[in-house]
């Protein structure tokens, strides 16, 4: 399904994934517990955003599928 909003959500999710990979590398390199704590907080924040993104994506996908189903039913009558 090609939908601009869903595409935006997918791109956003990819950015989050990329950011997480960078933070993971930084976390592994860091020796400072304070810095590690900050990185972990950032990772947690991004994980929450990713979860919201996935929830929104699921809702939009379901909505779009209902629209498609309704339009097919209406065109058959």
N, C-alpha and C. Protein backbone atom coordinates (compact mmCIF):
# COMPACT_ATOMS: atom_id res chain seq x y z
N UNK A 1 0.85 -1.16 0.00
CA UNK A 1 0.00 0.00 0.00
C UNK A 1 0.91 1.24 0.00
N UNK A 2 0.73 2.06 -0.99
CA UNK A 2 1.53 3.28 -1.09
C UNK A 2 0.72 4.46 -0.56
N UNK A 3 1.08 4.90 0.61
CA UNK A 3 0.36 5.99 1.27
C UNK A 3 1.40 6.97 1.80
N UNK A 4 1.29 8.24 1.46
CA UNK A 4 2.31 9.22 1.88
C UNK A 4 2.51 9.27 3.40
N UNK A 5 1.41 9.22 4.16
CA UNK A 5 1.54 9.29 5.61
C UNK A 5 2.24 8.05 6.15
N UNK A 6 1.87 6.88 5.65
CA UNK A 6 2.52 5.65 6.08
C UNK A 6 3.99 5.64 5.68
N UNK A 7 4.29 6.18 4.51
CA UNK A 7 5.68 6.29 4.08
C UNK A 7 6.48 7.18 5.03
N UNK A 8 5.86 8.29 5.45
CA UNK A 8 6.52 9.18 6.42
C UNK A 8 6.79 8.44 7.73
N UNK A 9 5.80 7.68 8.20
CA UNK A 9 5.98 6.92 9.43
C UNK A 9 7.10 5.90 9.28
N UNK A 10 7.16 5.25 8.12
CA UNK A 10 8.21 4.26 7.87
C UNK A 10 9.58 4.92 7.86
N UNK A 11 9.67 6.09 7.23
CA UNK A 11 10.95 6.82 7.20
C UNK A 11 11.37 7.27 8.60
N UNK A 12 10.39 7.70 9.37
CA UNK A 12 10.64 8.12 10.75
C UNK A 12 11.18 6.93 11.56
N UNK A 13 10.56 5.77 11.37
CA UNK A 13 10.98 4.57 12.08
C UNK A 13 12.41 4.20 11.71
N UNK A 14 12.73 4.33 10.44
CA UNK A 14 14.10 4.04 9.98
C UNK A 14 15.11 4.97 10.63
N UNK A 15 14.72 6.24 10.75
CA UNK A 15 15.60 7.22 11.40
C UNK A 15 15.82 6.85 12.87
N UNK A 16 14.74 6.45 13.54
CA UNK A 16 14.86 6.03 14.93
C UNK A 16 15.82 4.84 15.04
N UNK A 17 15.68 3.88 14.14
CA UNK A 17 16.55 2.70 14.16
C UNK A 17 18.01 3.09 13.98
N UNK A 18 18.24 4.00 13.05
CA UNK A 18 19.60 4.47 12.81
C UNK A 18 20.16 5.18 14.05
N UNK A 19 19.34 6.02 14.66
CA UNK A 19 19.76 6.72 15.87
C UNK A 19 20.09 5.73 17.00
N UNK A 20 19.27 4.68 17.12
CA UNK A 20 19.52 3.69 18.16
C UNK A 20 20.86 2.98 17.94
N UNK A 21 21.18 2.67 16.70
CA UNK A 21 22.45 2.02 16.41
C UNK A 21 23.63 2.90 16.82
N UNK A 22 23.52 4.20 16.52
CA UNK A 22 24.58 5.14 16.89
C UNK A 22 24.71 5.23 18.41
N UNK A 23 23.56 5.32 19.09
CA UNK A 23 23.60 5.42 20.55
C UNK A 23 24.17 4.15 21.17
N UNK A 24 23.85 3.00 20.59
CA UNK A 24 24.39 1.74 21.11
C UNK A 24 25.91 1.73 21.00
N UNK A 25 26.43 2.19 19.86
CA UNK A 25 27.89 2.26 19.68
C UNK A 25 28.50 3.19 20.72
N UNK A 26 27.85 4.36 20.91
CA UNK A 26 28.36 5.32 21.89
C UNK A 26 28.32 4.74 23.30
N UNK A 27 27.27 3.99 23.58
CA UNK A 27 27.14 3.38 24.91
C UNK A 27 28.27 2.39 25.15
N UNK A 28 28.58 1.60 24.14
CA UNK A 28 29.64 0.60 24.28
C UNK A 28 31.02 1.25 24.44
N UNK A 29 31.22 2.39 23.81
CA UNK A 29 32.52 3.07 23.88
C UNK A 29 32.70 3.85 25.18
N UNK A 30 31.60 4.25 25.77
CA UNK A 30 31.67 5.13 26.94
C UNK A 30 32.14 4.40 28.19
N UNK A 31 32.99 5.10 28.95
CA UNK A 31 33.45 4.57 30.23
C UNK A 31 32.84 5.33 31.40
N UNK A 32 32.19 6.43 31.10
CA UNK A 32 31.60 7.27 32.13
C UNK A 32 30.18 6.78 32.44
N UNK A 33 29.94 6.50 33.72
CA UNK A 33 28.61 6.03 34.10
C UNK A 33 27.56 7.12 33.90
N UNK A 34 27.95 8.38 34.07
CA UNK A 34 27.03 9.50 33.87
C UNK A 34 26.63 9.58 32.39
N UNK A 35 27.62 9.47 31.53
CA UNK A 35 27.36 9.51 30.09
C UNK A 35 26.52 8.30 29.67
N UNK A 36 26.81 7.14 30.21
CA UNK A 36 26.04 5.94 29.90
C UNK A 36 24.58 6.12 30.32
N UNK A 37 24.39 6.73 31.46
CA UNK A 37 23.03 6.99 31.96
C UNK A 37 22.26 7.90 31.00
N UNK A 38 22.93 8.92 30.52
CA UNK A 38 22.29 9.85 29.56
C UNK A 38 21.95 9.13 28.26
N UNK A 39 22.85 8.30 27.81
CA UNK A 39 22.62 7.55 26.56
C UNK A 39 21.44 6.60 26.73
N UNK A 40 21.39 5.94 27.87
CA UNK A 40 20.28 5.01 28.14
C UNK A 40 18.95 5.75 28.16
N UNK A 41 18.92 6.95 28.73
CA UNK A 41 17.70 7.76 28.73
C UNK A 41 17.29 8.11 27.30
N UNK A 42 18.26 8.46 26.46
CA UNK A 42 17.97 8.77 25.06
C UNK A 42 17.43 7.54 24.34
N UNK A 43 18.04 6.39 24.61
CA UNK A 43 17.58 5.14 23.99
C UNK A 43 16.14 4.85 24.41
N UNK A 44 15.84 5.04 25.68
CA UNK A 44 14.49 4.81 26.19
C UNK A 44 13.48 5.74 25.53
N UNK A 45 13.87 7.00 25.37
CA UNK A 45 12.99 7.97 24.72
C UNK A 45 12.71 7.58 23.27
N UNK A 46 13.75 7.19 22.56
CA UNK A 46 13.59 6.78 21.16
C UNK A 46 12.73 5.52 21.08
N UNK A 47 12.93 4.59 21.99
CA UNK A 47 12.13 3.36 21.99
C UNK A 47 10.65 3.68 22.17
N UNK A 48 10.35 4.62 23.05
CA UNK A 48 8.96 5.03 23.26
C UNK A 48 8.39 5.68 22.00
N UNK A 49 9.18 6.50 21.33
CA UNK A 49 8.74 7.13 20.09
C UNK A 49 8.50 6.08 18.99
N UNK A 50 9.38 5.08 18.96
CA UNK A 50 9.22 4.00 17.98
C UNK A 50 7.92 3.23 18.24
N UNK A 51 7.61 3.02 19.51
CA UNK A 51 6.39 2.32 19.86
C UNK A 51 5.16 3.13 19.43
N UNK A 52 5.20 4.43 19.67
CA UNK A 52 4.09 5.30 19.23
C UNK A 52 3.96 5.27 17.72
N UNK A 53 5.10 5.31 17.04
CA UNK A 53 5.14 5.27 15.58
C UNK A 53 4.47 3.99 15.08
N UNK A 54 4.82 2.85 15.66
CA UNK A 54 4.27 1.58 15.23
C UNK A 54 2.77 1.51 15.51
N UNK A 55 2.34 2.02 16.65
CA UNK A 55 0.92 2.04 16.98
C UNK A 55 0.16 2.89 15.97
N UNK A 56 0.69 4.07 15.68
CA UNK A 56 0.05 4.96 14.71
C UNK A 56 0.01 4.31 13.33
N UNK A 57 1.09 3.67 12.95
CA UNK A 57 1.16 3.01 11.66
C UNK A 57 0.11 1.91 11.56
N UNK A 58 -0.07 1.14 12.61
CA UNK A 58 -1.08 0.08 12.62
C UNK A 58 -2.48 0.66 12.49
N UNK A 59 -2.76 1.73 13.23
CA UNK A 59 -4.07 2.37 13.18
C UNK A 59 -4.36 2.90 11.78
N UNK A 60 -3.38 3.55 11.20
CA UNK A 60 -3.56 4.13 9.87
C UNK A 60 -3.75 3.02 8.83
N UNK A 61 -2.97 1.96 8.95
CA UNK A 61 -3.10 0.84 8.01
C UNK A 61 -4.49 0.24 8.10
N UNK A 62 -4.99 0.01 9.30
CA UNK A 62 -6.33 -0.53 9.48
C UNK A 62 -7.38 0.40 8.90
N UNK A 63 -7.22 1.67 9.14
CA UNK A 63 -8.15 2.66 8.61
C UNK A 63 -8.15 2.66 7.08
N UNK A 64 -6.96 2.62 6.50
CA UNK A 64 -6.86 2.62 5.03
C UNK A 64 -7.49 1.35 4.45
N UNK A 65 -7.28 0.22 5.11
CA UNK A 65 -7.87 -1.03 4.63
C UNK A 65 -9.40 -0.98 4.70
N UNK A 66 -9.93 -0.37 5.76
CA UNK A 66 -11.38 -0.22 5.86
C UNK A 66 -11.89 0.67 4.74
N UNK A 67 -11.17 1.74 4.45
CA UNK A 67 -11.57 2.64 3.36
C UNK A 67 -11.59 1.90 2.03
N UNK A 68 -10.57 1.10 1.79
CA UNK A 68 -10.48 0.34 0.55
C UNK A 68 -11.65 -0.65 0.46
N UNK A 69 -11.93 -1.34 1.56
CA UNK A 69 -13.02 -2.31 1.59
C UNK A 69 -14.35 -1.61 1.34
N UNK A 70 -14.56 -0.47 2.00
CA UNK A 70 -15.81 0.28 1.80
C UNK A 70 -15.95 0.75 0.36
N UNK A 71 -14.88 1.25 -0.21
CA UNK A 71 -14.96 1.77 -1.58
C UNK A 71 -15.21 0.63 -2.57
N UNK A 72 -14.67 -0.55 -2.30
CA UNK A 72 -14.92 -1.71 -3.17
C UNK A 72 -16.39 -2.13 -3.06
N UNK A 73 -16.93 -2.15 -1.85
CA UNK A 73 -18.33 -2.51 -1.65
C UNK A 73 -19.24 -1.52 -2.35
N UNK A 74 -18.93 -0.23 -2.21
CA UNK A 74 -19.75 0.80 -2.83
C UNK A 74 -19.68 0.75 -4.35
N UNK A 75 -18.55 0.39 -4.89
CA UNK A 75 -18.43 0.34 -6.34
C UNK A 75 -19.10 -0.90 -6.93
N UNK A 76 -19.32 -1.92 -6.11
CA UNK A 76 -19.98 -3.12 -6.59
C UNK A 76 -21.50 -2.95 -6.63
N UNK A 77 -22.04 -2.01 -5.91
CA UNK A 77 -23.49 -1.81 -5.86
C UNK A 77 -23.95 -0.96 -6.95
